[in-house]
Amino acid sequence: RDIVRVPHGAGGHFGGDVALQMMLFGPEGSDPLNQRAGSRAGTMSVLCGAAAVDSIRRKKPIDVPSLLG
């Protein structure tokens, strides 16, 4: 069994917050891993979170596509 130590930067998410902020607020930069999401993916992400909270409150599943109206 090997132990692999992964270096990380300071701050939240092991230093990933700075990289995430640069991707969000500095979109003119490159996206070599093709990770940048469009507005639809962002909308669906927010709706999934809202549906999860609503599902917990109502104690039943929530149909995410139906939230798009």
PDB file of N, CA and C in Angstrom:
ATOM      1  N   ARG A   1       0.851  -1.178   0.000  1.00  0.00           N
ATOM      2  CA  ARG A   1       0.000   0.000   0.000  1.00  0.00           C
ATOM      3  C   ARG A   1       0.890   1.232   0.000  1.00  0.00           C
ATOM      4  N   ASP A   2       0.653   2.109  -0.947  1.00  0.00           N
ATOM      5  CA  ASP A   2       1.430   3.341  -1.051  1.00  0.00           C
ATOM      6  C   ASP A   2       0.607   4.524  -0.565  1.00  0.00           C
ATOM      7  N   ILE A   3       1.274   5.448   0.057  1.00  0.00           N
ATOM      8  CA  ILE A   3       0.640   6.705   0.451  1.00  0.00           C
ATOM      9  C   ILE A   3       1.129   7.766  -0.523  1.00  0.00           C
ATOM     10  N   VAL A   4       0.198   8.396  -1.190  1.00  0.00           N
ATOM     11  CA  VAL A   4       0.534   9.442  -2.148  1.00  0.00           C
ATOM     12  C   VAL A   4       0.149  10.775  -1.539  1.00  0.00           C
ATOM     13  N   ARG A   5       1.106  11.627  -1.365  1.00  0.00           N
ATOM     14  CA  ARG A   5       0.843  12.955  -0.809  1.00  0.00           C
ATOM     15  C   ARG A   5       0.618  13.926  -1.968  1.00  0.00           C
ATOM     16  N   VAL A   6      -0.509  14.582  -1.927  1.00  0.00           N
ATOM     17  CA  VAL A   6      -0.872  15.515  -2.990  1.00  0.00           C
ATOM     18  C   VAL A   6      -0.683  16.931  -2.470  1.00  0.00           C
ATOM     19  N   PRO A   7       0.191  17.697  -3.118  1.00  0.00           N
ATOM     20  CA  PRO A   7       0.391  19.077  -2.659  1.00  0.00           C
ATOM     21  C   PRO A   7      -0.857  19.917  -2.943  1.00  0.00           C
ATOM     22  N   HIS A   8      -1.095  20.879  -2.087  1.00  0.00           N
ATOM     23  CA  HIS A   8      -2.243  21.759  -2.308  1.00  0.00           C
ATOM     24  C   HIS A   8      -1.919  23.149  -1.822  1.00  0.00           C
ATOM     25  N   GLY A   9      -2.636  24.094  -2.353  1.00  0.00           N
ATOM     26  CA  GLY A   9      -2.440  25.480  -1.976  1.00  0.00           C
ATOM     27  C   GLY A   9      -3.232  25.836  -0.733  1.00  0.00           C
ATOM     28  N   ALA A  10      -3.013  27.042  -0.276  1.00  0.00           N
ATOM     29  CA  ALA A  10      -3.718  27.532   0.908  1.00  0.00           C
ATOM     30  C   ALA A  10      -5.144  27.923   0.539  1.00  0.00           C
ATOM     31  N   GLY A  11      -5.996  27.998   1.531  1.00  0.00           N
ATOM     32  CA  GLY A  11      -7.368  28.442   1.308  1.00  0.00           C
ATOM     33  C   GLY A  11      -8.333  27.290   1.155  1.00  0.00           C
ATOM     34  N   GLY A  12      -9.559  27.642   0.859  1.00  0.00           N
ATOM     35  CA  GLY A  12     -10.617  26.651   0.735  1.00  0.00           C
ATOM     36  C   GLY A  12     -10.419  25.703  -0.427  1.00  0.00           C
ATOM     37  N   HIS A  13     -10.963  24.523  -0.283  1.00  0.00           N
ATOM     38  CA  HIS A  13     -10.892  23.478  -1.308  1.00  0.00           C
ATOM     39  C   HIS A  13      -9.453  23.180  -1.707  1.00  0.00           C
ATOM     40  N   PHE A  14      -8.561  23.180  -0.724  1.00  0.00           N
ATOM     41  CA  PHE A  14      -7.145  22.848  -0.940  1.00  0.00           C
ATOM     42  C   PHE A  14      -6.496  23.742  -1.986  1.00  0.00           C
ATOM     43  N   GLY A  15      -6.891  24.991  -2.009  1.00  0.00           N
ATOM     44  CA  GLY A  15      -6.316  25.939  -2.957  1.00  0.00           C
ATOM     45  C   GLY A  15      -7.102  26.057  -4.249  1.00  0.00           C
ATOM     46  N   GLY A  16      -8.138  25.259  -4.407  1.00  0.00           N
ATOM     47  CA  GLY A  16      -8.924  25.278  -5.640  1.00  0.00           C
ATOM     48  C   GLY A  16      -9.821  26.491  -5.774  1.00  0.00           C
ATOM     49  N   ASP A  17     -10.115  27.162  -4.659  1.00  0.00           N
ATOM     50  CA  ASP A  17     -11.013  28.317  -4.727  1.00  0.00           C
ATOM     51  C   ASP A  17     -10.461  29.409  -5.635  1.00  0.00           C
ATOM     52  N   VAL A  18      -9.159  29.657  -5.549  1.00  0.00           N
ATOM     53  CA  VAL A  18      -8.562  30.695  -6.387  1.00  0.00           C
ATOM     54  C   VAL A  18      -8.709  30.326  -7.861  1.00  0.00           C
ATOM     55  N   ALA A  19      -8.437  29.078  -8.198  1.00  0.00           N
ATOM     56  CA  ALA A  19      -8.578  28.632  -9.588  1.00  0.00           C
ATOM     57  C   ALA A  19     -10.030  28.736 -10.044  1.00  0.00           C
ATOM     58  N   LEU A  20     -10.955  28.368  -9.174  1.00  0.00           N
ATOM     59  CA  LEU A  20     -12.378  28.452  -9.507  1.00  0.00           C
ATOM     60  C   LEU A  20     -12.794  29.903  -9.730  1.00  0.00           C
ATOM     61  N   GLN A  21     -12.339  30.792  -8.854  1.00  0.00           N
ATOM     62  CA  GLN A  21     -12.679  32.203  -8.998  1.00  0.00           C
ATOM     63  C   GLN A  21     -12.124  32.773 -10.299  1.00  0.00           C
ATOM     64  N   MET A  22     -10.934  32.351 -10.675  1.00  0.00           N
ATOM     65  CA  MET A  22     -10.361  32.827 -11.933  1.00  0.00           C
ATOM     66  C   MET A  22     -11.185  32.335 -13.129  1.00  0.00           C
ATOM     67  N   MET A  23     -11.692  31.109 -13.048  1.00  0.00           N
ATOM     68  CA  MET A  23     -12.527  30.584 -14.135  1.00  0.00           C
ATOM     69  C   MET A  23     -13.863  31.334 -14.205  1.00  0.00           C
ATOM     70  N   LEU A  24     -14.417  31.700 -13.030  1.00  0.00           N
ATOM     71  CA  LEU A  24     -15.712  32.383 -13.000  1.00  0.00           C
ATOM     72  C   LEU A  24     -15.616  33.853 -13.379  1.00  0.00           C
ATOM     73  N   PHE A  25     -14.626  34.530 -12.802  1.00  0.00           N
ATOM     74  CA  PHE A  25     -14.568  35.978 -12.944  1.00  0.00           C
ATOM     75  C   PHE A  25     -13.490  36.452 -13.907  1.00  0.00           C
ATOM     76  N   GLY A  26     -12.746  35.542 -14.477  1.00  0.00           N
ATOM     77  CA  GLY A  26     -11.736  35.886 -15.473  1.00  0.00           C
ATOM     78  C   GLY A  26     -11.896  35.008 -16.695  1.00  0.00           C
ATOM     79  N   PRO A  27     -13.087  34.991 -17.308  1.00  0.00           N
ATOM     80  CA  PRO A  27     -13.364  34.035 -18.383  1.00  0.00           C
ATOM     81  C   PRO A  27     -12.532  34.230 -19.645  1.00  0.00           C
ATOM     82  N   GLU A  28     -11.741  35.308 -19.709  1.00  0.00           N
ATOM     83  CA  GLU A  28     -10.916  35.492 -20.894  1.00  0.00           C
ATOM     84  C   GLU A  28      -9.729  34.527 -20.909  1.00  0.00           C
ATOM     85  N   GLY A  29      -9.486  33.859 -19.791  1.00  0.00           N
ATOM     86  CA  GLY A  29      -8.396  32.889 -19.700  1.00  0.00           C
ATOM     87  C   GLY A  29      -8.707  31.617 -20.469  1.00  0.00           C
ATOM     88  N   SER A  30      -7.694  30.793 -20.607  1.00  0.00           N
ATOM     89  CA  SER A  30      -7.876  29.543 -21.348  1.00  0.00           C
ATOM     90  C   SER A  30      -8.644  28.523 -20.511  1.00  0.00           C
ATOM     91  N   ASP A  31      -9.202  27.552 -21.184  1.00  0.00           N
ATOM     92  CA  ASP A  31      -9.954  26.474 -20.537  1.00  0.00           C
ATOM     93  C   ASP A  31      -9.454  25.148 -21.120  1.00  0.00           C
ATOM     94  N   PRO A  32      -8.208  24.776 -20.798  1.00  0.00           N
ATOM     95  CA  PRO A  32      -7.596  23.606 -21.442  1.00  0.00           C
ATOM     96  C   PRO A  32      -8.313  22.289 -21.163  1.00  0.00           C
ATOM     97  N   LEU A  33      -9.032  22.191 -20.064  1.00  0.00           N
ATOM     98  CA  LEU A  33      -9.735  20.953 -19.728  1.00  0.00           C
ATOM     99  C   LEU A  33     -11.212  21.008 -20.118  1.00  0.00           C
ATOM    100  N   ASN A  34     -11.601  22.098 -20.792  1.00  0.00           N
ATOM    101  CA  ASN A  34     -12.981  22.272 -21.246  1.00  0.00           C
ATOM    102  C   ASN A  34     -13.974  22.119 -20.088  1.00  0.00           C
ATOM    103  N   GLN A  35     -13.704  22.826 -18.994  1.00  0.00           N
ATOM    104  CA  GLN A  35     -14.531  22.728 -17.792  1.00  0.00           C
ATOM    105  C   GLN A  35     -15.529  23.870 -17.658  1.00  0.00           C
ATOM    106  N   ARG A  36     -15.406  24.887 -18.463  1.00  0.00           N
ATOM    107  CA  ARG A  36     -16.281  26.044 -18.324  1.00  0.00           C
ATOM    108  C   ARG A  36     -17.703  25.675 -18.726  1.00  0.00           C
ATOM    109  N   ALA A  37     -18.628  25.987 -17.863  1.00  0.00           N
ATOM    110  CA  ALA A  37     -20.037  25.670 -18.120  1.00  0.00           C
ATOM    111  C   ALA A  37     -20.738  26.868 -18.744  1.00  0.00           C
ATOM    112  N   GLY A  38     -21.764  26.577 -19.500  1.00  0.00           N
ATOM    113  CA  GLY A  38     -22.579  27.632 -20.086  1.00  0.00           C
ATOM    114  C   GLY A  38     -23.716  28.011 -19.148  1.00  0.00           C
ATOM    115  N   SER A  39     -24.555  28.919 -19.602  1.00  0.00           N
ATOM    116  CA  SER A  39     -25.650  29.396 -18.758  1.00  0.00           C
ATOM    117  C   SER A  39     -26.671  28.297 -18.464  1.00  0.00           C
ATOM    118  N   ARG A  40     -26.894  27.387 -19.416  1.00  0.00           N
ATOM    119  CA  ARG A  40     -27.851  26.300 -19.170  1.00  0.00           C
ATOM    120  C   ARG A  40     -27.344  25.380 -18.070  1.00  0.00           C
ATOM    121  N   ALA A  41     -26.074  25.020 -18.116  1.00  0.00           N
ATOM    122  CA  ALA A  41     -25.507  24.151 -17.081  1.00  0.00           C
ATOM    123  C   ALA A  41     -25.553  24.841 -15.720  1.00  0.00           C
ATOM    124  N   GLY A  42     -25.296  26.143 -15.703  1.00  0.00           N
ATOM    125  CA  GLY A  42     -25.373  26.890 -14.451  1.00  0.00           C
ATOM    126  C   GLY A  42     -26.787  26.921 -13.900  1.00  0.00           C
ATOM    127  N   THR A  43     -27.750  27.137 -14.783  1.00  0.00           N
ATOM    128  CA  THR A  43     -29.160  27.144 -14.378  1.00  0.00           C
ATOM    129  C   THR A  43     -29.571  25.795 -13.810  1.00  0.00           C
ATOM    130  N   MET A  44     -29.188  24.723 -14.493  1.00  0.00           N
ATOM    131  CA  MET A  44     -29.544  23.383 -14.021  1.00  0.00           C
ATOM    132  C   MET A  44     -28.895  23.089 -12.669  1.00  0.00           C
ATOM    133  N   SER A  45     -27.681  23.569 -12.472  1.00  0.00           N
ATOM    134  CA  SER A  45     -26.997  23.370 -11.198  1.00  0.00           C
ATOM    135  C   SER A  45     -27.757  24.046 -10.057  1.00  0.00           C
ATOM    136  N   VAL A  46     -28.174  25.288 -10.289  1.00  0.00           N
ATOM    137  CA  VAL A  46     -28.944  26.015  -9.270  1.00  0.00           C
ATOM    138  C   VAL A  46     -30.276  25.315  -9.009  1.00  0.00           C
ATOM    139  N   LEU A  47     -30.944  24.884 -10.077  1.00  0.00           N
ATOM    140  CA  LEU A  47     -32.230  24.200  -9.910  1.00  0.00           C
ATOM    141  C   LEU A  47     -32.079  22.880  -9.157  1.00  0.00           C
ATOM    142  N   CYS A  48     -30.986  22.168  -9.397  1.00  0.00           N
ATOM    143  CA  CYS A  48     -30.754  20.911  -8.660  1.00  0.00           C
ATOM    144  C   CYS A  48     -30.616  21.185  -7.168  1.00  0.00           C
ATOM    145  N   GLY A  49     -29.889  22.240  -6.826  1.00  0.00           N
ATOM    146  CA  GLY A  49     -29.750  22.604  -5.418  1.00  0.00           C
ATOM    147  C   GLY A  49     -31.077  23.008  -4.804  1.00  0.00           C
ATOM    148  N   ALA A  50     -31.844  23.822  -5.529  1.00  0.00           N
ATOM    149  CA  ALA A  50     -33.157  24.250  -5.035  1.00  0.00           C
ATOM    150  C   ALA A  50     -34.091  23.054  -4.887  1.00  0.00           C
ATOM    151  N   ALA A  51     -34.044  22.141  -5.855  1.00  0.00           N
ATOM    152  CA  ALA A  51     -34.894  20.948  -5.792  1.00  0.00           C
ATOM    153  C   ALA A  51     -34.506  20.059  -4.617  1.00  0.00           C
ATOM    154  N   ALA A  52     -33.215  19.970  -4.335  1.00  0.00           N
ATOM    155  CA  ALA A  52     -32.769  19.157  -3.200  1.00  0.00           C
ATOM    156  C   ALA A  52     -33.314  19.714  -1.889  1.00  0.00           C
ATOM    157  N   VAL A  53     -33.224  21.029  -1.720  1.00  0.00           N
ATOM    158  CA  VAL A  53     -33.746  21.661  -0.503  1.00  0.00           C
ATOM    159  C   VAL A  53     -35.258  21.458  -0.413  1.00  0.00           C
ATOM    160  N   ASP A  54     -35.959  21.674  -1.521  1.00  0.00           N
ATOM    161  CA  ASP A  54     -37.413  21.505  -1.549  1.00  0.00           C
ATOM    162  C   ASP A  54     -37.802  20.051  -1.267  1.00  0.00           C
ATOM    163  N   SER A  55     -37.043  19.126  -1.818  1.00  0.00           N
ATOM    164  CA  SER A  55     -37.316  17.701  -1.610  1.00  0.00           C
ATOM    165  C   SER A  55     -37.184  17.321  -0.136  1.00  0.00           C
ATOM    166  N   ILE A  56     -36.168  17.852   0.504  1.00  0.00           N
ATOM    167  CA  ILE A  56     -35.974  17.572   1.933  1.00  0.00           C
ATOM    168  C   ILE A  56     -37.131  18.152   2.741  1.00  0.00           C
ATOM    169  N   ARG A  57     -37.525  19.365   2.420  1.00  0.00           N
ATOM    170  CA  ARG A  57     -38.629  20.006   3.152  1.00  0.00           C
ATOM    171  C   ARG A  57     -39.950  19.270   2.965  1.00  0.00           C
ATOM    172  N   ARG A  58     -40.236  18.878   1.724  1.00  0.00           N
ATOM    173  CA  ARG A  58     -41.516  18.229   1.417  1.00  0.00           C
ATOM    174  C   ARG A  58     -41.504  16.721   1.634  1.00  0.00           C
ATOM    175  N   LYS A  59     -40.295  16.171   1.794  1.00  0.00           N
ATOM    176  CA  LYS A  59     -40.131  14.719   1.967  1.00  0.00           C
ATOM    177  C   LYS A  59     -40.684  13.944   0.775  1.00  0.00           C
ATOM    178  N   LYS A  60     -40.373  14.468  -0.426  1.00  0.00           N
ATOM    179  CA  LYS A  60     -40.769  13.773  -1.651  1.00  0.00           C
ATOM    180  C   LYS A  60     -39.850  14.226  -2.788  1.00  0.00           C
ATOM    181  N   PRO A  61     -39.755  13.413  -3.839  1.00  0.00           N
ATOM    182  CA  PRO A  61     -38.895  13.791  -4.970  1.00  0.00           C
ATOM    183  C   PRO A  61     -39.432  15.021  -5.702  1.00  0.00           C
ATOM    184  N   ILE A  62     -38.524  15.785  -6.272  1.00  0.00           N
ATOM    185  CA  ILE A  62     -38.888  16.962  -7.054  1.00  0.00           C
ATOM    186  C   ILE A  62     -38.397  16.741  -8.485  1.00  0.00           C
ATOM    187  N   ASP A  63     -39.254  16.986  -9.459  1.00  0.00           N
ATOM    188  CA  ASP A  63     -38.907  16.838 -10.867  1.00  0.00           C
ATOM    189  C   ASP A  63     -38.215  18.116 -11.341  1.00  0.00           C
ATOM    190  N   VAL A  64     -36.888  18.074 -11.479  1.00  0.00           N
ATOM    191  CA  VAL A  64     -36.118  19.271 -11.817  1.00  0.00           C
ATOM    192  C   VAL A  64     -36.562  19.897 -13.146  1.00  0.00           C
ATOM    193  N   PRO A  65     -36.725  19.135 -14.237  1.00  0.00           N
ATOM    194  CA  PRO A  65     -37.156  19.780 -15.488  1.00  0.00           C
ATOM    195  C   PRO A  65     -38.477  20.548 -15.359  1.00  0.00           C
ATOM    196  N   SER A  66     -39.358  20.108 -14.471  1.00  0.00           N
ATOM    197  CA  SER A  66     -40.632  20.817 -14.305  1.00  0.00           C
ATOM    198  C   SER A  66     -40.423  22.206 -13.699  1.00  0.00           C
ATOM    199  N   LEU A  67     -39.296  22.430 -13.051  1.00  0.00           N
ATOM    200  CA  LEU A  67     -39.013  23.734 -12.458  1.00  0.00           C
ATOM    201  C   LEU A  67     -38.682  24.783 -13.516  1.00  0.00           C
ATOM    202  N   LEU A  68     -38.354  24.333 -14.716  1.00  0.00           N
ATOM    203  CA  LEU A  68     -38.030  25.271 -15.791  1.00  0.00           C
ATOM    204  C   LEU A  68     -39.270  25.985 -16.324  1.00  0.00           C
ATOM    205  N   GLY A  69     -40.446  25.450 -15.992  1.00  0.00           N
ATOM    206  CA  GLY A  69     -41.702  26.079 -16.357  1.00  0.00           C
ATOM    207  C   GLY A  69     -41.934  26.079 -17.812  1.00  0.00           C
TER     208      GLY A  69
END
